[in-house]
Every structure is written in structure tokens, then in C-alpha cells.
Amino acid sequence: MPALGVHRWLLAVSMLAATTSSMSGQRREPIRIPDAALCARCSVALQPVVQLETAAGRGVNVRPSVVEMDGLGRYWYVESMDAPKVFDHAGKFLQVVGRKGQGPGEFLGPVALWATQGDSMVVFDGPGMRATVIDRDLKAVRSIRLPAPLNPVVAPAWPSQVIANALIPSATGVGWPLHRLALVGPVAESIGSFGPGTGE
């Protein structure tokens, strides 16, 4: 599994577990991880995966708010809510996707990315409250209006089931931190809300 996908995978597993226990009505005790080392000879070794380089060939120095890999092995990088930058599998800069704005293929502030099971990427624009599907050729092909800024996002079954953390001011969504949405049409459809605490 790519290193960048581990966090998203763990988030998906925890959200699905919460969904399953919520739907079945059973409450599961949380798994407690002890502070003491379980393996005295075990260690963690960090290894660089790739260095992303700007168009001028310099390394990217700013800490990104989002990095995600698409189905073609390209890295999508967002910093300071700017339009996403795309790099090839070796870290070479390819292009910026979209620009600032509210029109088709434009973003006010991307806050989350989701790689579909194919080769498309979904860009979740927080301030713009919409999701934009970008195809393999880096062109915007579809836009979905959202009920609120969504972040983080996992999609167990894109686009029919998307789970996200959000404050949704609706009769069924208020007070719940996590929401199941269907993003099949031009407007997101709420399937249900659940979760303890803040849902983080």
C-alpha cells in the first residue's frame, strides 16, 4: 500500500467500523493501545517515497494541507487552499489543475481529495461547498453541490456512499459529526448521520 494512502485507509476503516456498530445498535469498546513497547527489538524506519519538485526543479518546501495519489500513480498536492498541483510518479511537476474562482473547474479552497477506484480525482472545495470530478486528462468533468464543507472524506462506494466529517445544519444532520452522502447527481443527497463526539 502506498505510504500516502495509509492514513486514508485507516480513516476509512475506523469510519466503517463506526457506521457498522451504529447501524447494528451495538456499542463496541474502543481498542486501547498501551504506551509500553510490545516488542523490545522492533523499530520504525522512515524512508522517503518521493520528492516533489516545482516547475523550476526545486523541491517543494511548504508543508501541504493535502497530498493524495491517483489511480495513475500521480501525486496531487494542495497548499494554502490553492488549486491542486499534480506531479508524476517520480515527483516531477506536471501542471496546476484549475484556478481560483467559482466557475467550472475553479476552486475557492480545496480541503480534501479523493482518488476514485478508476483514474479520476475528486476535489472537495470547502468554501465553494462543492466537489469537482477531474478526469485522467486533468479536466473537470462533473460538479456536485455539497450541503457543507466536508473534511476529511472517505468513499467506501464512490459515488453512492461517501462518508465525511462536517457540520450540516439540517433536521437530520445537526448534532452529528459524521454523514453518509450520495454524490451521484448534481446535488449531494443525505443518506444518514452518525458518530460520537466530534467524529475526528
C-alpha atoms as a PDB file:
ATOM      1  CA  MET A   1       0.000   0.000   0.000  1.00  0.00           C
ATOM      2  CA  PRO A   2       1.425   3.455  -0.886  1.00  0.00           C
ATOM      3  CA  ALA A   3       2.601   5.337   2.178  1.00  0.00           C
ATOM      4  CA  LEU A   4       0.329   8.283   1.429  1.00  0.00           C
ATOM      5  CA  GLY A   5      -2.723   6.030   1.288  1.00  0.00           C
ATOM      6  CA  VAL A   6      -2.240   4.506   4.758  1.00  0.00           C
ATOM      7  CA  HIS A   7      -3.813   7.427   6.631  1.00  0.00           C
ATOM      8  CA  ARG A   8      -6.833   7.439   4.334  1.00  0.00           C
ATOM      9  CA  TRP A   9      -7.193   3.658   4.653  1.00  0.00           C
ATOM     10  CA  LEU A  10      -7.104   3.816   8.458  1.00  0.00           C
ATOM     11  CA  LEU A  11      -9.675   6.615   8.450  1.00  0.00           C
ATOM     12  CA  ALA A  12     -11.930   4.583   6.148  1.00  0.00           C
ATOM     13  CA  VAL A  13     -11.682   1.510   8.373  1.00  0.00           C
ATOM     14  CA  SER A  14     -12.489   3.478  11.535  1.00  0.00           C
ATOM     15  CA  MET A  15     -15.436   5.241   9.884  1.00  0.00           C
ATOM     16  CA  LEU A  16     -16.826   1.978   8.510  1.00  0.00           C
ATOM     17  CA  ALA A  17     -16.485   0.361  11.928  1.00  0.00           C
ATOM     18  CA  ALA A  18     -18.365   3.269  13.483  1.00  0.00           C
ATOM     19  CA  THR A  19     -21.027   3.021  10.769  1.00  0.00           C
ATOM     20  CA  THR A  20     -21.472  -0.715  11.265  1.00  0.00           C
ATOM     21  CA  SER A  21     -21.754  -0.508  15.056  1.00  0.00           C
ATOM     22  CA  SER A  22     -24.100   2.499  14.772  1.00  0.00           C
ATOM     23  CA  MET A  23     -26.379   0.728  12.312  1.00  0.00           C
ATOM     24  CA  SER A  24     -26.480  -2.509  14.335  1.00  0.00           C
ATOM     25  CA  GLY A  25     -27.204  -0.645  17.560  1.00  0.00           C
ATOM     26  CA  GLN A  26     -24.281  -2.277  19.349  1.00  0.00           C
ATOM     27  CA  ARG A  27     -21.634  -0.221  21.063  1.00  0.00           C
ATOM     28  CA  ARG A  28     -18.107  -1.585  20.794  1.00  0.00           C
ATOM     29  CA  GLU A  29     -15.423  -0.846  23.320  1.00  0.00           C
ATOM     30  CA  PRO A  30     -12.513   1.108  21.828  1.00  0.00           C
ATOM     31  CA  ILE A  31      -9.239  -0.739  21.308  1.00  0.00           C
ATOM     32  CA  ARG A  32      -6.669   0.621  23.737  1.00  0.00           C
ATOM     33  CA  ILE A  33      -3.054   0.766  22.563  1.00  0.00           C
ATOM     34  CA  PRO A  34      -0.628   0.572  25.513  1.00  0.00           C
ATOM     35  CA  ASP A  35       2.166   3.104  25.956  1.00  0.00           C
ATOM     36  CA  ALA A  36       4.707   0.406  26.767  1.00  0.00           C
ATOM     37  CA  ALA A  37       6.615  -1.204  23.907  1.00  0.00           C
ATOM     38  CA  LEU A  38       5.206  -4.604  22.955  1.00  0.00           C
ATOM     39  CA  CYS A  39       8.320  -5.642  21.074  1.00  0.00           C
ATOM     40  CA  ALA A  40      11.697  -4.632  22.508  1.00  0.00           C
ATOM     41  CA  ARG A  41      13.515  -5.401  19.241  1.00  0.00           C
ATOM     42  CA  CYS A  42      11.023  -3.682  16.933  1.00  0.00           C
ATOM     43  CA  SER A  43      11.741  -0.301  15.374  1.00  0.00           C
ATOM     44  CA  VAL A  44      10.216   2.113  12.913  1.00  0.00           C
ATOM     45  CA  ALA A  45      12.306   3.209   9.948  1.00  0.00           C
ATOM     46  CA  LEU A  46      11.233   6.189   7.864  1.00  0.00           C
ATOM     47  CA  GLN A  47      12.153   6.182   4.193  1.00  0.00           C
ATOM     48  CA  PRO A  48      11.462   8.906   1.616  1.00  0.00           C
ATOM     49  CA  VAL A  49       8.916   7.875  -1.004  1.00  0.00           C
ATOM     50  CA  VAL A  50       9.355  10.743  -3.458  1.00  0.00           C
ATOM     51  CA  GLN A  51      10.487  14.383  -3.541  1.00  0.00           C
ATOM     52  CA  LEU A  52       8.053  16.694  -5.281  1.00  0.00           C
ATOM     53  CA  GLU A  53       9.801  19.294  -7.438  1.00  0.00           C
ATOM     54  CA  THR A  54       8.453  22.609  -8.661  1.00  0.00           C
ATOM     55  CA  ALA A  55       8.431  23.629 -12.316  1.00  0.00           C
ATOM     56  CA  ALA A  56      11.862  25.221 -11.739  1.00  0.00           C
ATOM     57  CA  GLY A  57      13.236  21.889 -10.469  1.00  0.00           C
ATOM     58  CA  ARG A  58      13.399  22.967  -6.835  1.00  0.00           C
ATOM     59  CA  GLY A  59      11.929  20.866  -4.051  1.00  0.00           C
ATOM     60  CA  VAL A  60       8.566  21.829  -2.587  1.00  0.00           C
ATOM     61  CA  ASN A  61       9.307  23.369   0.813  1.00  0.00           C
ATOM     62  CA  VAL A  62       5.837  24.270   2.082  1.00  0.00           C
ATOM     63  CA  ARG A  63       4.008  21.762   4.262  1.00  0.00           C
ATOM     64  CA  PRO A  64       0.953  20.698   2.233  1.00  0.00           C
ATOM     65  CA  SER A  65      -2.563  20.615   3.599  1.00  0.00           C
ATOM     66  CA  VAL A  66      -3.401  17.631   1.350  1.00  0.00           C
ATOM     67  CA  VAL A  67      -1.354  15.079  -0.625  1.00  0.00           C
ATOM     68  CA  GLU A  68      -3.025  12.189  -2.423  1.00  0.00           C
ATOM     69  CA  MET A  69      -2.078   9.688  -5.123  1.00  0.00           C
ATOM     70  CA  ASP A  70      -4.454   8.998  -8.010  1.00  0.00           C
ATOM     71  CA  GLY A  71      -5.006   5.709  -9.850  1.00  0.00           C
ATOM     72  CA  LEU A  72      -2.262   6.569 -12.348  1.00  0.00           C
ATOM     73  CA  GLY A  73       0.399   6.992  -9.665  1.00  0.00           C
ATOM     74  CA  ARG A  74       0.421  10.792  -9.867  1.00  0.00           C
ATOM     75  CA  TYR A  75       0.701  12.916  -6.717  1.00  0.00           C
ATOM     76  CA  TRP A  76      -1.894  15.628  -6.097  1.00  0.00           C
ATOM     77  CA  TYR A  77      -0.680  18.382  -3.778  1.00  0.00           C
ATOM     78  CA  VAL A  78      -2.618  21.241  -2.159  1.00  0.00           C
ATOM     79  CA  GLU A  79      -1.064  24.033  -0.099  1.00  0.00           C
ATOM     80  CA  SER A  80      -2.710  27.067   1.481  1.00  0.00           C
ATOM     81  CA  MET A  81      -6.015  26.207  -0.230  1.00  0.00           C
ATOM     82  CA  ASP A  82      -4.572  26.950  -3.681  1.00  0.00           C
ATOM     83  CA  ALA A  83      -5.607  24.999  -6.776  1.00  0.00           C
ATOM     84  CA  PRO A  84      -4.164  21.453  -6.761  1.00  0.00           C
ATOM     85  CA  LYS A  85      -0.750  20.830  -8.295  1.00  0.00           C
ATOM     86  CA  VAL A  86      -0.127  17.457  -9.969  1.00  0.00           C
ATOM     87  CA  PHE A  87       3.235  15.652 -10.089  1.00  0.00           C
ATOM     88  CA  ASP A  88       4.170  12.446 -11.889  1.00  0.00           C
ATOM     89  CA  HIS A  89       5.160   9.225 -10.071  1.00  0.00           C
ATOM     90  CA  ALA A  90       8.790  10.418  -9.860  1.00  0.00           C
ATOM     91  CA  GLY A  91       7.831  13.787  -8.334  1.00  0.00           C
ATOM     92  CA  LYS A  92       8.217  15.930 -11.480  1.00  0.00           C
ATOM     93  CA  PHE A  93       5.740  18.816 -11.696  1.00  0.00           C
ATOM     94  CA  LEU A  94       3.071  18.345 -14.397  1.00  0.00           C
ATOM     95  CA  GLN A  95       0.543  21.158 -14.006  1.00  0.00           C
ATOM     96  CA  VAL A  96      -1.855  23.108 -11.813  1.00  0.00           C
ATOM     97  CA  VAL A  97      -5.445  21.879 -12.059  1.00  0.00           C
ATOM     98  CA  GLY A  98      -7.986  24.687 -12.236  1.00  0.00           C
ATOM     99  CA  ARG A  99      -7.598  28.129 -10.712  1.00  0.00           C
ATOM    100  CA  LYS A 100      -9.117  30.417  -8.079  1.00  0.00           C
ATOM    101  CA  GLY A 101     -12.767  31.151  -8.683  1.00  0.00           C
ATOM    102  CA  GLN A 102     -16.315  29.837  -8.544  1.00  0.00           C
ATOM    103  CA  GLY A 103     -16.781  28.705 -12.136  1.00  0.00           C
ATOM    104  CA  PRO A 104     -16.473  25.209 -13.627  1.00  0.00           C
ATOM    105  CA  GLY A 105     -13.064  23.730 -12.814  1.00  0.00           C
ATOM    106  CA  GLU A 106     -12.291  26.555 -10.372  1.00  0.00           C
ATOM    107  CA  PHE A 107     -11.803  26.373  -6.602  1.00  0.00           C
ATOM    108  CA  LEU A 108     -12.129  28.781  -3.687  1.00  0.00           C
ATOM    109  CA  GLY A 109     -10.157  26.475  -1.393  1.00  0.00           C
ATOM    110  CA  PRO A 110      -9.624  22.726  -1.809  1.00  0.00           C
ATOM    111  CA  VAL A 111      -9.661  20.994   1.589  1.00  0.00           C
ATOM    112  CA  ALA A 112      -9.810  17.295   0.650  1.00  0.00           C
ATOM    113  CA  LEU A 113      -9.068  14.948  -2.256  1.00  0.00           C
ATOM    114  CA  TRP A 114     -10.436  11.501  -3.034  1.00  0.00           C
ATOM    115  CA  ALA A 115      -8.992   9.154  -5.664  1.00  0.00           C
ATOM    116  CA  THR A 116     -11.786   7.119  -7.243  1.00  0.00           C
ATOM    117  CA  GLN A 117     -11.398   3.411  -7.993  1.00  0.00           C
ATOM    118  CA  GLY A 118     -10.671   4.366 -11.606  1.00  0.00           C
ATOM    119  CA  ASP A 119      -8.295   7.119 -12.653  1.00  0.00           C
ATOM    120  CA  SER A 120     -10.256  10.223 -11.628  1.00  0.00           C
ATOM    121  CA  MET A 121      -9.731  12.512  -8.647  1.00  0.00           C
ATOM    122  CA  VAL A 122     -12.433  14.314  -6.679  1.00  0.00           C
ATOM    123  CA  VAL A 123     -11.508  17.744  -5.323  1.00  0.00           C
ATOM    124  CA  PHE A 124     -13.597  18.899  -2.346  1.00  0.00           C
ATOM    125  CA  ASP A 125     -13.778  22.698  -2.245  1.00  0.00           C
ATOM    126  CA  GLY A 126     -14.571  23.789   1.319  1.00  0.00           C
ATOM    127  CA  PRO A 127     -15.530  27.460   0.859  1.00  0.00           C
ATOM    128  CA  GLY A 128     -17.156  26.668  -2.503  1.00  0.00           C
ATOM    129  CA  MET A 129     -19.178  23.825  -0.926  1.00  0.00           C
ATOM    130  CA  ARG A 130     -18.860  21.567  -3.938  1.00  0.00           C
ATOM    131  CA  ALA A 131     -16.988  18.539  -5.203  1.00  0.00           C
ATOM    132  CA  THR A 132     -15.418  18.518  -8.664  1.00  0.00           C
ATOM    133  CA  VAL A 133     -14.534  15.322 -10.506  1.00  0.00           C
ATOM    134  CA  ILE A 134     -11.294  15.632 -12.521  1.00  0.00           C
ATOM    135  CA  ASP A 135     -10.664  13.012 -15.222  1.00  0.00           C
ATOM    136  CA  ARG A 136      -7.374  11.312 -16.176  1.00  0.00           C
ATOM    137  CA  ASP A 137      -6.586  14.184 -18.581  1.00  0.00           C
ATOM    138  CA  LEU A 138      -6.843  16.664 -15.664  1.00  0.00           C
ATOM    139  CA  LYS A 139     -10.092  18.194 -16.956  1.00  0.00           C
ATOM    140  CA  ALA A 140     -13.121  18.979 -14.780  1.00  0.00           C
ATOM    141  CA  VAL A 141     -15.983  16.745 -15.920  1.00  0.00           C
ATOM    142  CA  ARG A 142     -18.590  16.997 -13.151  1.00  0.00           C
ATOM    143  CA  SER A 143     -19.550  19.234 -10.235  1.00  0.00           C
ATOM    144  CA  ILE A 144     -21.629  18.276  -7.180  1.00  0.00           C
ATOM    145  CA  ARG A 145     -23.122  20.826  -4.782  1.00  0.00           C
ATOM    146  CA  LEU A 146     -22.442  19.956  -1.120  1.00  0.00           C
ATOM    147  CA  PRO A 147     -24.531  20.812   1.973  1.00  0.00           C
ATOM    148  CA  ALA A 148     -21.434  21.999   3.880  1.00  0.00           C
ATOM    149  CA  PRO A 149     -17.617  21.892   3.690  1.00  0.00           C
ATOM    150  CA  LEU A 150     -16.587  18.222   4.019  1.00  0.00           C
ATOM    151  CA  ASN A 151     -13.250  17.188   5.541  1.00  0.00           C
ATOM    152  CA  PRO A 152     -11.963  14.531   5.866  1.00  0.00           C
ATOM    153  CA  VAL A 153     -13.685  12.350   3.284  1.00  0.00           C
ATOM    154  CA  VAL A 154     -13.697   8.619   2.554  1.00  0.00           C
ATOM    155  CA  ALA A 155     -15.768   6.866  -0.106  1.00  0.00           C
ATOM    156  CA  PRO A 156     -16.418   3.160   0.550  1.00  0.00           C
ATOM    157  CA  ALA A 157     -18.507   3.054  -2.646  1.00  0.00           C
ATOM    158  CA  TRP A 158     -17.943   6.115  -4.846  1.00  0.00           C
ATOM    159  CA  PRO A 159     -20.212   7.930  -5.683  1.00  0.00           C
ATOM    160  CA  SER A 160     -23.135   6.195  -3.956  1.00  0.00           C
ATOM    161  CA  GLN A 161     -21.642   6.270  -0.451  1.00  0.00           C
ATOM    162  CA  VAL A 162     -19.316   8.999   0.776  1.00  0.00           C
ATOM    163  CA  ILE A 163     -18.614   9.443   4.496  1.00  0.00           C
ATOM    164  CA  ALA A 164     -17.381  12.797   5.748  1.00  0.00           C
ATOM    165  CA  ASN A 165     -16.891  14.912   8.828  1.00  0.00           C
ATOM    166  CA  ALA A 166     -18.958  18.108   8.630  1.00  0.00           C
ATOM    167  CA  LEU A 167     -21.350  20.447  10.418  1.00  0.00           C
ATOM    168  CA  ILE A 168     -24.538  20.014   8.397  1.00  0.00           C
ATOM    169  CA  PRO A 169     -27.355  22.327   9.536  1.00  0.00           C
ATOM    170  CA  SER A 170     -30.299  20.107   8.609  1.00  0.00           C
ATOM    171  CA  ALA A 171     -33.044  18.402  10.626  1.00  0.00           C
ATOM    172  CA  THR A 172     -31.343  15.006  10.275  1.00  0.00           C
ATOM    173  CA  GLY A 173     -27.717  16.181  10.259  1.00  0.00           C
ATOM    174  CA  VAL A 174     -27.496  18.665  13.105  1.00  0.00           C
ATOM    175  CA  GLY A 175     -25.668  17.371  16.172  1.00  0.00           C
ATOM    176  CA  TRP A 176     -23.968  14.514  14.313  1.00  0.00           C
ATOM    177  CA  PRO A 177     -20.305  14.761  13.280  1.00  0.00           C
ATOM    178  CA  LEU A 178     -20.243  12.134  10.507  1.00  0.00           C
ATOM    179  CA  HIS A 179     -22.504  11.957   7.473  1.00  0.00           C
ATOM    180  CA  ARG A 180     -23.236   9.442   4.718  1.00  0.00           C
ATOM    181  CA  LEU A 181     -23.873  11.133   1.400  1.00  0.00           C
ATOM    182  CA  ALA A 182     -24.578  10.021  -2.166  1.00  0.00           C
ATOM    183  CA  LEU A 183     -22.820  12.168  -4.778  1.00  0.00           C
ATOM    184  CA  VAL A 184     -24.479  10.549  -7.794  1.00  0.00           C
ATOM    185  CA  GLY A 185     -26.297  13.633  -9.105  1.00  0.00           C
ATOM    186  CA  PRO A 186     -25.537  17.356  -9.287  1.00  0.00           C
ATOM    187  CA  VAL A 187     -26.573  17.850  -5.636  1.00  0.00           C
ATOM    188  CA  ALA A 188     -25.363  15.674  -2.738  1.00  0.00           C
ATOM    189  CA  GLU A 189     -28.087  13.530  -1.185  1.00  0.00           C
ATOM    190  CA  SER A 190     -28.004  12.811   2.557  1.00  0.00           C
ATOM    191  CA  ILE A 191     -28.291   9.123   3.460  1.00  0.00           C
ATOM    192  CA  GLY A 192     -27.828   9.439   7.215  1.00  0.00           C
ATOM    193  CA  SER A 193     -25.744  10.874  10.043  1.00  0.00           C
ATOM    194  CA  PHE A 194     -23.997   9.230  12.987  1.00  0.00           C
ATOM    195  CA  GLY A 195     -20.950   9.237  15.241  1.00  0.00           C
ATOM    196  CA  PRO A 196     -19.761  10.124  18.729  1.00  0.00           C
ATOM    197  CA  GLY A 197     -18.128  13.360  19.847  1.00  0.00           C
ATOM    198  CA  THR A 198     -16.647  15.413  17.040  1.00  0.00           C
ATOM    199  CA  GLY A 199     -16.124  12.415  14.737  1.00  0.00           C
ATOM    200  CA  GLU A 200     -12.423  13.074  14.307  1.00  0.00           C
END
